Amino acid sequence: MFEVSIQWLIALLITVGLLIVFVLWLYYDRRDRLLYANERNQRTYHCIRCDHLYTGASTTESAPCPRCGHANARLKF
């Protein structure tokens, strides 16, 4: 019969546990990157006419307000 010492068994369990954590980390990191890519690429705008906060595409420096149509520059923090 094949005998396994307790040290090898503990090392195997720790290695498997770390491998599971690493695989889950990669999976959730990729999932979050794909799910929230559009949200990260948007800019925030504040309308100076009607005091409305809204988001728009990241490719433009100004965007019209959806409420009143006034063109506003993006917020810079």
PDB file of N, CA and C in Angstrom:
ATOM      1  N   MET A   1       0.837  -1.179   0.000  1.00  0.00           N
ATOM      2  CA  MET A   1       0.000   0.000   0.000  1.00  0.00           C
ATOM      3  C   MET A   1       0.883   1.245   0.000  1.00  0.00           C
ATOM      4  N   PHE A   2       0.362   2.291  -0.535  1.00  0.00           N
ATOM      5  CA  PHE A   2       1.097   3.554  -0.650  1.00  0.00           C
ATOM      6  C   PHE A   2       0.929   4.372   0.618  1.00  0.00           C
ATOM      7  N   GLU A   3       2.029   4.669   1.301  1.00  0.00           N
ATOM      8  CA  GLU A   3       1.962   5.438   2.539  1.00  0.00           C
ATOM      9  C   GLU A   3       2.344   6.890   2.283  1.00  0.00           C
ATOM     10  N   VAL A   4       1.583   7.797   2.882  1.00  0.00           N
ATOM     11  CA  VAL A   4       1.833   9.231   2.735  1.00  0.00           C
ATOM     12  C   VAL A   4       2.064   9.797   4.126  1.00  0.00           C
ATOM     13  N   SER A   5       3.161  10.529   4.272  1.00  0.00           N
ATOM     14  CA  SER A   5       3.423  11.127   5.578  1.00  0.00           C
ATOM     15  C   SER A   5       2.523  12.344   5.773  1.00  0.00           C
ATOM     16  N   ILE A   6       2.372  12.747   7.006  1.00  0.00           N
ATOM     17  CA  ILE A   6       1.488  13.858   7.341  1.00  0.00           C
ATOM     18  C   ILE A   6       2.003  15.175   6.747  1.00  0.00           C
ATOM     19  N   GLN A   7       3.333  15.327   6.633  1.00  0.00           N
ATOM     20  CA  GLN A   7       3.898  16.547   6.057  1.00  0.00           C
ATOM     21  C   GLN A   7       3.525  16.688   4.586  1.00  0.00           C
ATOM     22  N   TRP A   8       3.575  15.576   3.850  1.00  0.00           N
ATOM     23  CA  TRP A   8       3.204  15.621   2.437  1.00  0.00           C
ATOM     24  C   TRP A   8       1.710  15.910   2.259  1.00  0.00           C
ATOM     25  N   LEU A   9       0.913  15.361   3.130  1.00  0.00           N
ATOM     26  CA  LEU A   9      -0.525  15.589   3.065  1.00  0.00           C
ATOM     27  C   LEU A   9      -0.862  17.055   3.342  1.00  0.00           C
ATOM     28  N   ILE A  10      -0.223  17.635   4.344  1.00  0.00           N
ATOM     29  CA  ILE A  10      -0.450  19.048   4.654  1.00  0.00           C
ATOM     30  C   ILE A  10       0.034  19.934   3.517  1.00  0.00           C
ATOM     31  N   ALA A  11       1.201  19.627   2.958  1.00  0.00           N
ATOM     32  CA  ALA A  11       1.729  20.402   1.838  1.00  0.00           C
ATOM     33  C   ALA A  11       0.804  20.313   0.629  1.00  0.00           C
ATOM     34  N   LEU A  12       0.256  19.145   0.371  1.00  0.00           N
ATOM     35  CA  LEU A  12      -0.667  18.961  -0.744  1.00  0.00           C
ATOM     36  C   LEU A  12      -1.952  19.762  -0.531  1.00  0.00           C
ATOM     37  N   LEU A  13      -2.494  19.732   0.671  1.00  0.00           N
ATOM     38  CA  LEU A  13      -3.721  20.475   0.960  1.00  0.00           C
ATOM     39  C   LEU A  13      -3.505  21.984   0.844  1.00  0.00           C
ATOM     40  N   ILE A  14      -2.383  22.470   1.339  1.00  0.00           N
ATOM     41  CA  ILE A  14      -2.084  23.905   1.222  1.00  0.00           C
ATOM     42  C   ILE A  14      -1.905  24.303  -0.234  1.00  0.00           C
ATOM     43  N   THR A  15      -1.219  23.488  -1.007  1.00  0.00           N
ATOM     44  CA  THR A  15      -1.007  23.780  -2.428  1.00  0.00           C
ATOM     45  C   THR A  15      -2.331  23.796  -3.195  1.00  0.00           C
ATOM     46  N   VAL A  16      -3.174  22.838  -2.946  1.00  0.00           N
ATOM     47  CA  VAL A  16      -4.486  22.795  -3.616  1.00  0.00           C
ATOM     48  C   VAL A  16      -5.329  23.995  -3.209  1.00  0.00           C
ATOM     49  N   GLY A  17      -5.306  24.349  -1.934  1.00  0.00           N
ATOM     50  CA  GLY A  17      -6.057  25.513  -1.464  1.00  0.00           C
ATOM     51  C   GLY A  17      -5.577  26.797  -2.120  1.00  0.00           C
ATOM     52  N   LEU A  18      -4.272  26.986  -2.194  1.00  0.00           N
ATOM     53  CA  LEU A  18      -3.725  28.185  -2.844  1.00  0.00           C
ATOM     54  C   LEU A  18      -4.043  28.206  -4.342  1.00  0.00           C
ATOM     55  N   LEU A  19      -4.023  27.054  -4.963  1.00  0.00           N
ATOM     56  CA  LEU A  19      -4.364  26.980  -6.383  1.00  0.00           C
ATOM     57  C   LEU A  19      -5.825  27.353  -6.615  1.00  0.00           C
ATOM     58  N   ILE A  20      -6.706  26.904  -5.761  1.00  0.00           N
ATOM     59  CA  ILE A  20      -8.127  27.260  -5.878  1.00  0.00           C
ATOM     60  C   ILE A  20      -8.322  28.757  -5.699  1.00  0.00           C
ATOM     61  N   VAL A  21      -7.663  29.352  -4.703  1.00  0.00           N
ATOM     62  CA  VAL A  21      -7.772  30.796  -4.491  1.00  0.00           C
ATOM     63  C   VAL A  21      -7.240  31.558  -5.698  1.00  0.00           C
ATOM     64  N   PHE A  22      -6.129  31.132  -6.264  1.00  0.00           N
ATOM     65  CA  PHE A  22      -5.546  31.796  -7.425  1.00  0.00           C
ATOM     66  C   PHE A  22      -6.476  31.723  -8.638  1.00  0.00           C
ATOM     67  N   VAL A  23      -7.063  30.568  -8.890  1.00  0.00           N
ATOM     68  CA  VAL A  23      -7.981  30.408 -10.027  1.00  0.00           C
ATOM     69  C   VAL A  23      -9.229  31.274  -9.840  1.00  0.00           C
ATOM     70  N   LEU A  24      -9.775  31.306  -8.631  1.00  0.00           N
ATOM     71  CA  LEU A  24     -10.937  32.153  -8.367  1.00  0.00           C
ATOM     72  C   LEU A  24     -10.594  33.629  -8.523  1.00  0.00           C
ATOM     73  N   TRP A  25      -9.407  34.032  -8.097  1.00  0.00           N
ATOM     74  CA  TRP A  25      -8.962  35.412  -8.239  1.00  0.00           C
ATOM     75  C   TRP A  25      -8.889  35.796  -9.713  1.00  0.00           C
ATOM     76  N   LEU A  26      -8.304  34.940 -10.541  1.00  0.00           N
ATOM     77  CA  LEU A  26      -8.225  35.224 -11.973  1.00  0.00           C
ATOM     78  C   LEU A  26      -9.617  35.303 -12.607  1.00  0.00           C
ATOM     79  N   TYR A  27     -10.501  34.393 -12.241  1.00  0.00           N
ATOM     80  CA  TYR A  27     -11.851  34.384 -12.807  1.00  0.00           C
ATOM     81  C   TYR A  27     -12.602  35.664 -12.479  1.00  0.00           C
ATOM     82  N   TYR A  28     -12.624  36.065 -11.209  1.00  0.00           N
ATOM     83  CA  TYR A  28     -13.388  37.243 -10.810  1.00  0.00           C
ATOM     84  C   TYR A  28     -12.740  38.535 -11.305  1.00  0.00           C
ATOM     85  N   ASP A  29     -11.430  38.568 -11.408  1.00  0.00           N
ATOM     86  CA  ASP A  29     -10.765  39.743 -11.957  1.00  0.00           C
ATOM     87  C   ASP A  29     -11.139  39.942 -13.423  1.00  0.00           C
ATOM     88  N   ARG A  30     -11.134  38.880 -14.187  1.00  0.00           N
ATOM     89  CA  ARG A  30     -11.509  38.969 -15.604  1.00  0.00           C
ATOM     90  C   ARG A  30     -12.992  39.336 -15.747  1.00  0.00           C
ATOM     91  N   ARG A  31     -13.845  38.747 -14.936  1.00  0.00           N
ATOM     92  CA  ARG A  31     -15.276  39.027 -14.992  1.00  0.00           C
ATOM     93  C   ARG A  31     -15.558  40.495 -14.682  1.00  0.00           C
ATOM     94  N   ASP A  32     -14.939  41.017 -13.633  1.00  0.00           N
ATOM     95  CA  ASP A  32     -15.154  42.420 -13.276  1.00  0.00           C
ATOM     96  C   ASP A  32     -14.607  43.354 -14.344  1.00  0.00           C
ATOM     97  N   ARG A  33     -13.482  43.005 -14.934  1.00  0.00           N
ATOM     98  CA  ARG A  33     -12.914  43.841 -15.988  1.00  0.00           C
ATOM     99  C   ARG A  33     -13.863  43.918 -17.188  1.00  0.00           C
ATOM    100  N   LEU A  34     -14.474  42.815 -17.553  1.00  0.00           N
ATOM    101  CA  LEU A  34     -15.399  42.809 -18.684  1.00  0.00           C
ATOM    102  C   LEU A  34     -16.734  43.476 -18.351  1.00  0.00           C
ATOM    103  N   LEU A  35     -17.245  43.271 -17.146  1.00  0.00           N
ATOM    104  CA  LEU A  35     -18.543  43.822 -16.769  1.00  0.00           C
ATOM    105  C   LEU A  35     -18.519  45.330 -16.582  1.00  0.00           C
ATOM    106  N   TYR A  36     -17.442  45.848 -16.023  1.00  0.00           N
ATOM    107  CA  TYR A  36     -17.410  47.259 -15.664  1.00  0.00           C
ATOM    108  C   TYR A  36     -16.512  48.103 -16.557  1.00  0.00           C
ATOM    109  N   ALA A  37     -16.132  47.595 -17.717  1.00  0.00           N
ATOM    110  CA  ALA A  37     -15.272  48.359 -18.634  1.00  0.00           C
ATOM    111  C   ALA A  37     -15.975  49.610 -19.138  1.00  0.00           C
ATOM    112  N   ASN A  38     -17.247  49.514 -19.458  1.00  0.00           N
ATOM    113  CA  ASN A  38     -17.977  50.677 -19.956  1.00  0.00           C
ATOM    114  C   ASN A  38     -18.146  51.745 -18.883  1.00  0.00           C
ATOM    115  N   GLU A  39     -18.374  51.333 -17.654  1.00  0.00           N
ATOM    116  CA  GLU A  39     -18.533  52.303 -16.572  1.00  0.00           C
ATOM    117  C   GLU A  39     -17.238  53.045 -16.277  1.00  0.00           C
ATOM    118  N   ARG A  40     -16.107  52.360 -16.389  1.00  0.00           N
ATOM    119  CA  ARG A  40     -14.820  53.007 -16.132  1.00  0.00           C
ATOM    120  C   ARG A  40     -14.444  53.979 -17.237  1.00  0.00           C
ATOM    121  N   ASN A  41     -14.967  53.791 -18.430  1.00  0.00           N
ATOM    122  CA  ASN A  41     -14.597  54.627 -19.561  1.00  0.00           C
ATOM    123  C   ASN A  41     -15.542  55.803 -19.771  1.00  0.00           C
ATOM    124  N   GLN A  42     -16.373  56.110 -18.811  1.00  0.00           N
ATOM    125  CA  GLN A  42     -17.286  57.244 -18.939  1.00  0.00           C
ATOM    126  C   GLN A  42     -16.781  58.416 -18.122  1.00  0.00           C
ATOM    127  N   ARG A  43     -17.158  59.608 -18.570  1.00  0.00           N
ATOM    128  CA  ARG A  43     -16.809  60.831 -17.853  1.00  0.00           C
ATOM    129  C   ARG A  43     -18.050  61.427 -17.223  1.00  0.00           C
ATOM    130  N   THR A  44     -17.838  62.174 -16.160  1.00  0.00           N
ATOM    131  CA  THR A  44     -18.941  62.798 -15.442  1.00  0.00           C
ATOM    132  C   THR A  44     -19.029  64.270 -15.824  1.00  0.00           C
ATOM    133  N   TYR A  45     -20.256  64.733 -16.047  1.00  0.00           N
ATOM    134  CA  TYR A  45     -20.512  66.118 -16.422  1.00  0.00           C
ATOM    135  C   TYR A  45     -21.487  66.736 -15.425  1.00  0.00           C
ATOM    136  N   HIS A  46     -21.383  68.053 -15.258  1.00  0.00           N
ATOM    137  CA  HIS A  46     -22.284  68.802 -14.392  1.00  0.00           C
ATOM    138  C   HIS A  46     -22.831  69.974 -15.183  1.00  0.00           C
ATOM    139  N   CYS A  47     -24.147  70.013 -15.320  1.00  0.00           N
ATOM    140  CA  CYS A  47     -24.781  71.098 -16.076  1.00  0.00           C
ATOM    141  C   CYS A  47     -24.820  72.356 -15.208  1.00  0.00           C
ATOM    142  N   ILE A  48     -24.281  73.449 -15.735  1.00  0.00           N
ATOM    143  CA  ILE A  48     -24.272  74.694 -14.966  1.00  0.00           C
ATOM    144  C   ILE A  48     -25.614  75.423 -15.072  1.00  0.00           C
ATOM    145  N   ARG A  49     -26.440  75.022 -16.018  1.00  0.00           N
ATOM    146  CA  ARG A  49     -27.745  75.658 -16.182  1.00  0.00           C
ATOM    147  C   ARG A  49     -28.809  75.033 -15.278  1.00  0.00           C
ATOM    148  N   CYS A  50     -28.935  73.709 -15.285  1.00  0.00           N
ATOM    149  CA  CYS A  50     -30.010  73.062 -14.516  1.00  0.00           C
ATOM    150  C   CYS A  50     -29.493  72.247 -13.331  1.00  0.00           C
ATOM    151  N   ASP A  51     -28.184  72.253 -13.062  1.00  0.00           N
ATOM    152  CA  ASP A  51     -27.570  71.592 -11.910  1.00  0.00           C
ATOM    153  C   ASP A  51     -27.774  70.070 -11.936  1.00  0.00           C
ATOM    154  N   HIS A  52     -27.678  69.473 -13.119  1.00  0.00           N
ATOM    155  CA  HIS A  52     -27.883  68.034 -13.301  1.00  0.00           C
ATOM    156  C   HIS A  52     -26.528  67.351 -13.485  1.00  0.00           C
ATOM    157  N   LEU A  53     -26.315  66.218 -12.796  1.00  0.00           N
ATOM    158  CA  LEU A  53     -25.119  65.407 -12.984  1.00  0.00           C
ATOM    159  C   LEU A  53     -25.441  64.266 -13.934  1.00  0.00           C
ATOM    160  N   TYR A  54     -24.562  64.032 -14.916  1.00  0.00           N
ATOM    161  CA  TYR A  54     -24.784  62.956 -15.870  1.00  0.00           C
ATOM    162  C   TYR A  54     -23.448  62.459 -16.389  1.00  0.00           C
ATOM    163  N   THR A  55     -23.466  61.297 -17.039  1.00  0.00           N
ATOM    164  CA  THR A  55     -22.241  60.716 -17.582  1.00  0.00           C
ATOM    165  C   THR A  55     -22.344  60.671 -19.098  1.00  0.00           C
ATOM    166  N   GLY A  56     -21.171  60.615 -19.721  1.00  0.00           N
ATOM    167  CA  GLY A  56     -21.112  60.539 -21.175  1.00  0.00           C
ATOM    168  C   GLY A  56     -19.895  59.753 -21.615  1.00  0.00           C
ATOM    169  N   ALA A  57     -19.710  59.651 -22.907  1.00  0.00           N
ATOM    170  CA  ALA A  57     -18.582  58.899 -23.459  1.00  0.00           C
ATOM    171  C   ALA A  57     -17.268  59.575 -23.100  1.00  0.00           C
ATOM    172  N   SER A  58     -16.216  58.770 -22.990  1.00  0.00           N
ATOM    173  CA  SER A  58     -14.924  59.315 -22.595  1.00  0.00           C
ATOM    174  C   SER A  58     -14.172  59.940 -23.763  1.00  0.00           C
ATOM    175  N   THR A  59     -14.718  59.875 -24.951  1.00  0.00           N
ATOM    176  CA  THR A  59     -14.005  60.408 -26.115  1.00  0.00           C
ATOM    177  C   THR A  59     -14.241  61.895 -26.314  1.00  0.00           C
ATOM    178  N   THR A  60     -15.192  62.477 -25.621  1.00  0.00           N
ATOM    179  CA  THR A  60     -15.501  63.887 -25.822  1.00  0.00           C
ATOM    180  C   THR A  60     -15.154  64.700 -24.579  1.00  0.00           C
ATOM    181  N   GLU A  61     -14.802  65.958 -24.791  1.00  0.00           N
ATOM    182  CA  GLU A  61     -14.510  66.864 -23.681  1.00  0.00           C
ATOM    183  C   GLU A  61     -15.766  67.580 -23.199  1.00  0.00           C
ATOM    184  N   SER A  62     -16.794  67.652 -24.038  1.00  0.00           N
ATOM    185  CA  SER A  62     -18.057  68.266 -23.635  1.00  0.00           C
ATOM    186  C   SER A  62     -19.203  67.411 -24.146  1.00  0.00           C
ATOM    187  N   ALA A  63     -20.328  67.500 -23.428  1.00  0.00           N
ATOM    188  CA  ALA A  63     -21.509  66.722 -23.813  1.00  0.00           C
ATOM    189  C   ALA A  63     -22.753  67.529 -23.477  1.00  0.00           C
ATOM    190  N   PRO A  64     -23.779  67.424 -24.293  1.00  0.00           N
ATOM    191  CA  PRO A  64     -25.019  68.155 -23.994  1.00  0.00           C
ATOM    192  C   PRO A  64     -25.768  67.517 -22.835  1.00  0.00           C
ATOM    193  N   CYS A  65     -26.399  68.362 -22.042  1.00  0.00           N
ATOM    194  CA  CYS A  65     -27.188  67.897 -20.905  1.00  0.00           C
ATOM    195  C   CYS A  65     -28.445  67.198 -21.421  1.00  0.00           C
ATOM    196  N   PRO A  66     -28.808  66.036 -20.871  1.00  0.00           N
ATOM    197  CA  PRO A  66     -30.012  65.351 -21.320  1.00  0.00           C
ATOM    198  C   PRO A  66     -31.300  66.076 -20.918  1.00  0.00           C
ATOM    199  N   ARG A  67     -31.251  66.937 -19.903  1.00  0.00           N
ATOM    200  CA  ARG A  67     -32.443  67.678 -19.475  1.00  0.00           C
ATOM    201  C   ARG A  67     -32.672  68.938 -20.303  1.00  0.00           C
ATOM    202  N   CYS A  68     -31.642  69.795 -20.365  1.00  0.00           N
ATOM    203  CA  CYS A  68     -31.863  71.106 -20.988  1.00  0.00           C
ATOM    204  C   CYS A  68     -31.108  71.292 -22.294  1.00  0.00           C
ATOM    205  N   GLY A  69     -30.169  70.415 -22.629  1.00  0.00           N
ATOM    206  CA  GLY A  69     -29.463  70.503 -23.891  1.00  0.00           C
ATOM    207  C   GLY A  69     -28.246  71.422 -23.881  1.00  0.00           C
ATOM    208  N   HIS A  70     -27.905  72.005 -22.755  1.00  0.00           N
ATOM    209  CA  HIS A  70     -26.756  72.900 -22.660  1.00  0.00           C
ATOM    210  C   HIS A  70     -25.463  72.086 -22.711  1.00  0.00           C
ATOM    211  N   ALA A  71     -24.495  72.499 -23.545  1.00  0.00           N
ATOM    212  CA  ALA A  71     -23.207  71.788 -23.649  1.00  0.00           C
ATOM    213  C   ALA A  71     -22.342  72.155 -22.446  1.00  0.00           C
ATOM    214  N   ASN A  72     -21.827  71.136 -21.761  1.00  0.00           N
ATOM    215  CA  ASN A  72     -21.026  71.336 -20.549  1.00  0.00           C
ATOM    216  C   ASN A  72     -19.691  70.630 -20.680  1.00  0.00           C
ATOM    217  N   ALA A  73     -18.684  71.204 -20.050  1.00  0.00           N
ATOM    218  CA  ALA A  73     -17.368  70.565 -20.007  1.00  0.00           C
ATOM    219  C   ALA A  73     -17.376  69.491 -18.930  1.00  0.00           C
ATOM    220  N   ARG A  74     -16.469  68.537 -19.055  1.00  0.00           N
ATOM    221  CA  ARG A  74     -16.423  67.437 -18.087  1.00  0.00           C
ATOM    222  C   ARG A  74     -15.868  67.935 -16.761  1.00  0.00           C
ATOM    223  N   LEU A  75     -16.213  67.216 -15.702  1.00  0.00           N
ATOM    224  CA  LEU A  75     -15.694  67.535 -14.375  1.00  0.00           C
ATOM    225  C   LEU A  75     -14.253  67.041 -14.265  1.00  0.00           C
ATOM    226  N   LYS A  76     -13.410  67.833 -13.666  1.00  0.00           N
ATOM    227  CA  LYS A  76     -12.019  67.434 -13.423  1.00  0.00           C
ATOM    228  C   LYS A  76     -11.780  67.484 -11.927  1.00  0.00           C
ATOM    229  N   PHE A  77     -11.299  66.379 -11.408  1.00  0.00           N
ATOM    230  CA  PHE A  77     -11.049  66.308  -9.957  1.00  0.00           C
ATOM    231  C   PHE A  77      -9.585  66.400  -9.689  1.00  0.00           C
TER     232      PHE A  77
END
